[in-house]
Amino acid sequence: MTLFATTKDMVEEAEKFGQTLAGAGLKAHQLRRVYEKIQCIYEGTQNLERLGKRDVAELQLLKPWLAYAASRKSQLKALQQRLKDLIDKVKDDPKELQELYHFVQAILAYHKSYEK
């Protein structure tokens, strides 16, 4: 199972989020915190055939952190909801986590390109 129908769909959605978040005045460092948390989990699972329960639990624990971040920065609310939905779709396949990682990485890159 994949999180997005195609890589193109993922990239297009990431661009929309990046542009919207930049236009809303969100600073790159605020978005980078989200990216770094997902990156940390992703890097620990790169050579695995299946995600362990601990890896999935760490992903699930991002949801309350994202909710807190969104409560402090309202610009993150839509991203928080989308990432929550994607996190729920990640089961034990490292490819799903990789897609999530690349999605957030692309959002950050697009955000940086649209940031004023």
N, C-alpha and C. Protein backbone atom coordinates (compact mmCIF):
# COMPACT_ATOMS: atom_id res chain seq x y z
N MET A 1 0.84 -1.19 0.00
CA MET A 1 0.00 0.00 0.00
C MET A 1 0.88 1.25 0.00
N THR A 2 0.44 2.25 -0.70
CA THR A 2 1.15 3.51 -0.70
C THR A 2 0.25 4.60 -0.16
N LEU A 3 0.86 5.68 0.29
CA LEU A 3 0.11 6.78 0.86
C LEU A 3 -0.49 7.69 -0.20
N PHE A 4 0.16 7.74 -1.37
CA PHE A 4 -0.28 8.60 -2.46
C PHE A 4 -0.47 7.74 -3.71
N ALA A 5 -1.39 8.14 -4.56
CA ALA A 5 -1.64 7.37 -5.79
C ALA A 5 -0.39 7.33 -6.67
N THR A 6 0.26 8.48 -6.80
CA THR A 6 1.48 8.55 -7.59
C THR A 6 2.46 9.51 -6.92
N THR A 7 3.71 9.42 -7.33
CA THR A 7 4.70 10.36 -6.82
C THR A 7 4.35 11.78 -7.25
N LYS A 8 3.83 11.90 -8.45
CA LYS A 8 3.42 13.22 -8.95
C LYS A 8 2.36 13.84 -8.04
N ASP A 9 1.39 13.04 -7.61
CA ASP A 9 0.35 13.52 -6.70
C ASP A 9 0.96 14.02 -5.39
N MET A 10 1.92 13.26 -4.88
CA MET A 10 2.58 13.63 -3.64
C MET A 10 3.32 14.96 -3.79
N VAL A 11 4.04 15.10 -4.88
CA VAL A 11 4.81 16.32 -5.12
C VAL A 11 3.88 17.52 -5.30
N GLU A 12 2.79 17.35 -6.02
CA GLU A 12 1.85 18.45 -6.23
C GLU A 12 1.19 18.87 -4.91
N GLU A 13 0.83 17.90 -4.09
CA GLU A 13 0.23 18.24 -2.79
C GLU A 13 1.26 18.93 -1.91
N ALA A 14 2.49 18.46 -1.93
CA ALA A 14 3.56 19.08 -1.14
C ALA A 14 3.78 20.53 -1.57
N GLU A 15 3.73 20.76 -2.88
CA GLU A 15 3.93 22.14 -3.36
C GLU A 15 2.81 23.06 -2.86
N LYS A 16 1.57 22.57 -2.90
CA LYS A 16 0.45 23.38 -2.42
C LYS A 16 0.62 23.71 -0.94
N PHE A 17 1.00 22.70 -0.14
CA PHE A 17 1.22 22.96 1.29
C PHE A 17 2.36 23.94 1.48
N GLY A 18 3.46 23.74 0.78
CA GLY A 18 4.61 24.62 0.92
C GLY A 18 4.27 26.06 0.58
N GLN A 19 3.56 26.24 -0.51
CA GLN A 19 3.17 27.58 -0.94
C GLN A 19 2.20 28.22 0.07
N THR A 20 1.22 27.44 0.51
CA THR A 20 0.24 27.96 1.46
C THR A 20 0.89 28.34 2.79
N LEU A 21 1.76 27.47 3.29
CA LEU A 21 2.41 27.74 4.57
C LEU A 21 3.34 28.95 4.48
N ALA A 22 4.05 29.09 3.37
CA ALA A 22 4.92 30.26 3.18
C ALA A 22 4.08 31.53 3.09
N GLY A 23 2.98 31.46 2.36
CA GLY A 23 2.10 32.62 2.22
C GLY A 23 1.44 33.02 3.53
N ALA A 24 1.28 32.05 4.43
CA ALA A 24 0.67 32.33 5.73
C ALA A 24 1.68 32.87 6.74
N GLY A 25 2.94 32.96 6.31
CA GLY A 25 3.95 33.53 7.19
C GLY A 25 4.63 32.55 8.13
N LEU A 26 4.43 31.27 7.90
CA LEU A 26 5.09 30.27 8.75
C LEU A 26 6.58 30.30 8.46
N LYS A 27 7.38 30.30 9.49
CA LYS A 27 8.84 30.33 9.33
C LYS A 27 9.36 28.92 9.06
N ALA A 28 10.45 28.86 8.31
CA ALA A 28 11.03 27.57 7.93
C ALA A 28 11.42 26.74 9.15
N HIS A 29 11.93 27.39 10.20
CA HIS A 29 12.36 26.61 11.37
C HIS A 29 11.18 25.92 12.05
N GLN A 30 10.00 26.49 11.95
CA GLN A 30 8.82 25.86 12.56
C GLN A 30 8.44 24.60 11.80
N LEU A 31 8.56 24.65 10.49
CA LEU A 31 8.28 23.48 9.65
C LEU A 31 9.40 22.45 9.76
N ARG A 32 10.61 22.94 9.92
CA ARG A 32 11.77 22.05 10.04
C ARG A 32 11.66 21.14 11.27
N ARG A 33 11.04 21.63 12.33
CA ARG A 33 10.87 20.80 13.53
C ARG A 33 10.05 19.55 13.21
N VAL A 34 9.00 19.73 12.44
CA VAL A 34 8.16 18.59 12.02
C VAL A 34 9.01 17.63 11.19
N TYR A 35 9.73 18.19 10.23
CA TYR A 35 10.58 17.39 9.35
C TYR A 35 11.61 16.60 10.15
N GLU A 36 12.26 17.25 11.11
CA GLU A 36 13.32 16.59 11.88
C GLU A 36 12.79 15.43 12.70
N LYS A 37 11.59 15.56 13.23
CA LYS A 37 11.02 14.46 14.01
C LYS A 37 10.75 13.25 13.12
N ILE A 38 10.21 13.47 11.95
CA ILE A 38 9.95 12.37 11.02
C ILE A 38 11.27 11.81 10.48
N GLN A 39 12.21 12.68 10.21
CA GLN A 39 13.52 12.26 9.73
C GLN A 39 14.21 11.33 10.73
N CYS A 40 14.13 11.64 11.98
CA CYS A 40 14.75 10.83 13.03
C CYS A 40 14.18 9.40 13.02
N ILE A 41 12.90 9.27 12.90
CA ILE A 41 12.26 7.95 12.84
C ILE A 41 12.66 7.24 11.55
N TYR A 42 12.59 7.97 10.45
CA TYR A 42 12.91 7.39 9.14
C TYR A 42 14.34 6.87 9.08
N GLU A 43 15.29 7.65 9.54
CA GLU A 43 16.69 7.25 9.47
C GLU A 43 16.98 6.00 10.30
N GLY A 44 16.21 5.79 11.35
CA GLY A 44 16.39 4.61 12.17
C GLY A 44 15.79 3.34 11.59
N THR A 45 15.09 3.48 10.46
CA THR A 45 14.40 2.32 9.89
C THR A 45 14.79 2.03 8.45
N GLN A 46 15.78 2.69 7.92
CA GLN A 46 16.11 2.58 6.49
C GLN A 46 16.45 1.17 6.03
N ASN A 47 17.07 0.36 6.83
CA ASN A 47 17.51 -0.96 6.39
C ASN A 47 16.60 -2.09 6.87
N LEU A 48 15.41 -1.76 7.29
CA LEU A 48 14.48 -2.76 7.80
C LEU A 48 13.50 -3.21 6.73
N GLU A 49 13.10 -4.48 6.82
CA GLU A 49 12.06 -4.98 5.91
C GLU A 49 10.68 -4.62 6.43
N ARG A 50 10.54 -4.52 7.74
CA ARG A 50 9.27 -4.15 8.37
C ARG A 50 9.55 -3.17 9.51
N LEU A 51 8.61 -2.27 9.73
CA LEU A 51 8.73 -1.36 10.86
C LEU A 51 8.38 -2.12 12.14
N GLY A 52 9.12 -1.86 13.18
CA GLY A 52 8.82 -2.48 14.46
C GLY A 52 7.71 -1.74 15.18
N LYS A 53 7.20 -2.34 16.23
CA LYS A 53 6.13 -1.71 17.01
C LYS A 53 6.59 -0.38 17.58
N ARG A 54 7.86 -0.31 17.96
CA ARG A 54 8.41 0.92 18.53
C ARG A 54 8.41 2.05 17.48
N ASP A 55 8.77 1.71 16.25
CA ASP A 55 8.79 2.71 15.18
C ASP A 55 7.38 3.25 14.92
N VAL A 56 6.43 2.35 14.85
CA VAL A 56 5.03 2.76 14.62
C VAL A 56 4.53 3.58 15.80
N ALA A 57 4.92 3.19 17.02
CA ALA A 57 4.52 3.94 18.21
C ALA A 57 5.11 5.35 18.19
N GLU A 58 6.36 5.47 17.78
CA GLU A 58 6.98 6.80 17.69
C GLU A 58 6.23 7.68 16.68
N LEU A 59 5.81 7.09 15.58
CA LEU A 59 5.02 7.84 14.61
C LEU A 59 3.69 8.28 15.21
N GLN A 60 3.03 7.36 15.91
CA GLN A 60 1.75 7.70 16.53
C GLN A 60 1.91 8.82 17.56
N LEU A 61 3.06 8.84 18.23
CA LEU A 61 3.31 9.89 19.23
C LEU A 61 3.56 11.25 18.60
N LEU A 62 3.76 11.28 17.32
CA LEU A 62 3.86 12.57 16.63
C LEU A 62 2.51 13.29 16.58
N LYS A 63 1.43 12.53 16.60
CA LYS A 63 0.11 13.15 16.48
C LYS A 63 -0.19 14.15 17.60
N PRO A 64 0.03 13.78 18.87
CA PRO A 64 -0.21 14.79 19.91
C PRO A 64 0.78 15.96 19.82
N TRP A 65 2.01 15.67 19.42
CA TRP A 65 2.99 16.75 19.26
C TRP A 65 2.54 17.71 18.16
N LEU A 66 2.05 17.16 17.04
CA LEU A 66 1.56 18.00 15.95
C LEU A 66 0.34 18.82 16.38
N ALA A 67 -0.53 18.21 17.17
CA ALA A 67 -1.71 18.93 17.66
C ALA A 67 -1.29 20.11 18.54
N TYR A 68 -0.30 19.88 19.38
CA TYR A 68 0.21 20.95 20.23
C TYR A 68 0.82 22.06 19.38
N ALA A 69 1.65 21.67 18.40
CA ALA A 69 2.29 22.65 17.52
C ALA A 69 1.24 23.46 16.77
N ALA A 70 0.19 22.80 16.30
CA ALA A 70 -0.88 23.49 15.57
C ALA A 70 -1.67 24.41 16.48
N SER A 71 -1.78 24.07 17.75
CA SER A 71 -2.49 24.94 18.68
C SER A 71 -1.70 26.22 18.95
N ARG A 72 -0.39 26.14 18.79
CA ARG A 72 0.46 27.31 18.98
C ARG A 72 0.63 28.14 17.71
N LYS A 73 0.59 27.46 16.57
CA LYS A 73 0.73 28.13 15.27
C LYS A 73 -0.42 27.66 14.39
N SER A 74 -1.45 28.47 14.27
CA SER A 74 -2.65 28.05 13.55
C SER A 74 -2.37 27.72 12.08
N GLN A 75 -1.28 28.25 11.52
CA GLN A 75 -0.94 27.94 10.13
C GLN A 75 -0.66 26.46 9.92
N LEU A 76 -0.32 25.75 11.00
CA LEU A 76 0.01 24.32 10.91
C LEU A 76 -1.22 23.42 10.97
N LYS A 77 -2.40 23.97 11.20
CA LYS A 77 -3.58 23.14 11.43
C LYS A 77 -3.89 22.20 10.27
N ALA A 78 -3.90 22.71 9.04
CA ALA A 78 -4.20 21.85 7.88
C ALA A 78 -3.13 20.79 7.70
N LEU A 79 -1.87 21.17 7.89
CA LEU A 79 -0.78 20.21 7.77
C LEU A 79 -0.88 19.16 8.87
N GLN A 80 -1.21 19.59 10.06
CA GLN A 80 -1.36 18.66 11.18
C GLN A 80 -2.42 17.61 10.87
N GLN A 81 -3.54 18.03 10.32
CA GLN A 81 -4.61 17.09 10.00
C GLN A 81 -4.19 16.12 8.90
N ARG A 82 -3.51 16.64 7.88
CA ARG A 82 -3.07 15.78 6.77
C ARG A 82 -2.03 14.77 7.24
N LEU A 83 -1.07 15.24 8.04
CA LEU A 83 -0.04 14.32 8.54
C LEU A 83 -0.64 13.29 9.49
N LYS A 84 -1.62 13.69 10.26
CA LYS A 84 -2.31 12.75 11.16
C LYS A 84 -2.94 11.63 10.32
N ASP A 85 -3.60 11.99 9.24
CA ASP A 85 -4.22 10.99 8.36
C ASP A 85 -3.17 10.07 7.74
N LEU A 86 -2.05 10.64 7.31
CA LEU A 86 -1.00 9.83 6.70
C LEU A 86 -0.33 8.92 7.72
N ILE A 87 -0.10 9.44 8.92
CA ILE A 87 0.51 8.62 9.98
C ILE A 87 -0.37 7.41 10.27
N ASP A 88 -1.67 7.60 10.28
CA ASP A 88 -2.59 6.49 10.53
C ASP A 88 -2.52 5.42 9.44
N LYS A 89 -2.11 5.81 8.23
CA LYS A 89 -2.00 4.85 7.13
C LYS A 89 -0.70 4.06 7.15
N VAL A 90 0.31 4.57 7.86
CA VAL A 90 1.60 3.87 7.92
C VAL A 90 1.44 2.69 8.88
N LYS A 91 1.62 1.50 8.35
CA LYS A 91 1.49 0.29 9.18
C LYS A 91 2.87 -0.25 9.51
N ASP A 92 3.34 -1.23 8.77
CA ASP A 92 4.66 -1.78 9.07
C ASP A 92 5.59 -1.79 7.87
N ASP A 93 5.18 -1.13 6.80
CA ASP A 93 5.98 -1.09 5.58
C ASP A 93 6.88 0.14 5.58
N PRO A 94 8.19 -0.05 5.56
CA PRO A 94 9.10 1.10 5.55
C PRO A 94 8.91 2.02 4.35
N LYS A 95 8.35 1.49 3.26
CA LYS A 95 8.11 2.33 2.09
C LYS A 95 7.05 3.39 2.38
N GLU A 96 6.09 3.05 3.23
CA GLU A 96 5.08 4.03 3.61
C GLU A 96 5.71 5.15 4.43
N LEU A 97 6.58 4.78 5.34
CA LEU A 97 7.30 5.78 6.13
C LEU A 97 8.18 6.64 5.22
N GLN A 98 8.81 6.01 4.25
CA GLN A 98 9.65 6.73 3.31
C GLN A 98 8.83 7.76 2.53
N GLU A 99 7.62 7.39 2.12
CA GLU A 99 6.74 8.33 1.42
C GLU A 99 6.38 9.51 2.31
N LEU A 100 6.05 9.23 3.57
CA LEU A 100 5.75 10.29 4.52
C LEU A 100 6.94 11.22 4.67
N TYR A 101 8.11 10.64 4.81
CA TYR A 101 9.35 11.42 4.95
C TYR A 101 9.57 12.30 3.72
N HIS A 102 9.45 11.73 2.53
CA HIS A 102 9.66 12.50 1.31
C HIS A 102 8.60 13.59 1.13
N PHE A 103 7.38 13.30 1.56
CA PHE A 103 6.32 14.30 1.50
C PHE A 103 6.67 15.52 2.34
N VAL A 104 7.06 15.29 3.57
CA VAL A 104 7.40 16.41 4.46
C VAL A 104 8.66 17.11 3.97
N GLN A 105 9.60 16.35 3.46
CA GLN A 105 10.82 16.93 2.90
C GLN A 105 10.47 17.85 1.71
N ALA A 106 9.56 17.42 0.86
CA ALA A 106 9.15 18.22 -0.29
C ALA A 106 8.39 19.47 0.16
N ILE A 107 7.56 19.35 1.17
CA ILE A 107 6.86 20.53 1.70
C ILE A 107 7.87 21.57 2.16
N LEU A 108 8.88 21.11 2.91
CA LEU A 108 9.90 22.02 3.41
C LEU A 108 10.65 22.68 2.25
N ALA A 109 11.00 21.93 1.23
CA ALA A 109 11.71 22.48 0.08
C ALA A 109 10.85 23.52 -0.65
N TYR A 110 9.59 23.19 -0.89
CA TYR A 110 8.71 24.15 -1.56
C TYR A 110 8.47 25.37 -0.69
N HIS A 111 8.30 25.15 0.59
CA HIS A 111 8.10 26.27 1.50
C HIS A 111 9.27 27.24 1.40
N LYS A 112 10.47 26.69 1.40
CA LYS A 112 11.68 27.52 1.32
C LYS A 112 11.70 28.28 -0.01
N SER A 113 11.25 27.65 -1.09
CA SER A 113 11.28 28.32 -2.39
C SER A 113 10.22 29.44 -2.49
N TYR A 114 9.12 29.31 -1.74
CA TYR A 114 8.07 30.32 -1.77
C TYR A 114 8.19 31.34 -0.65
N GLU A 115 9.03 31.07 0.32
CA GLU A 115 9.17 31.96 1.48
C GLU A 115 9.69 33.33 1.04
N LYS A 116 9.12 34.35 1.62
CA LYS A 116 9.52 35.73 1.25
C LYS A 116 10.54 36.28 2.21
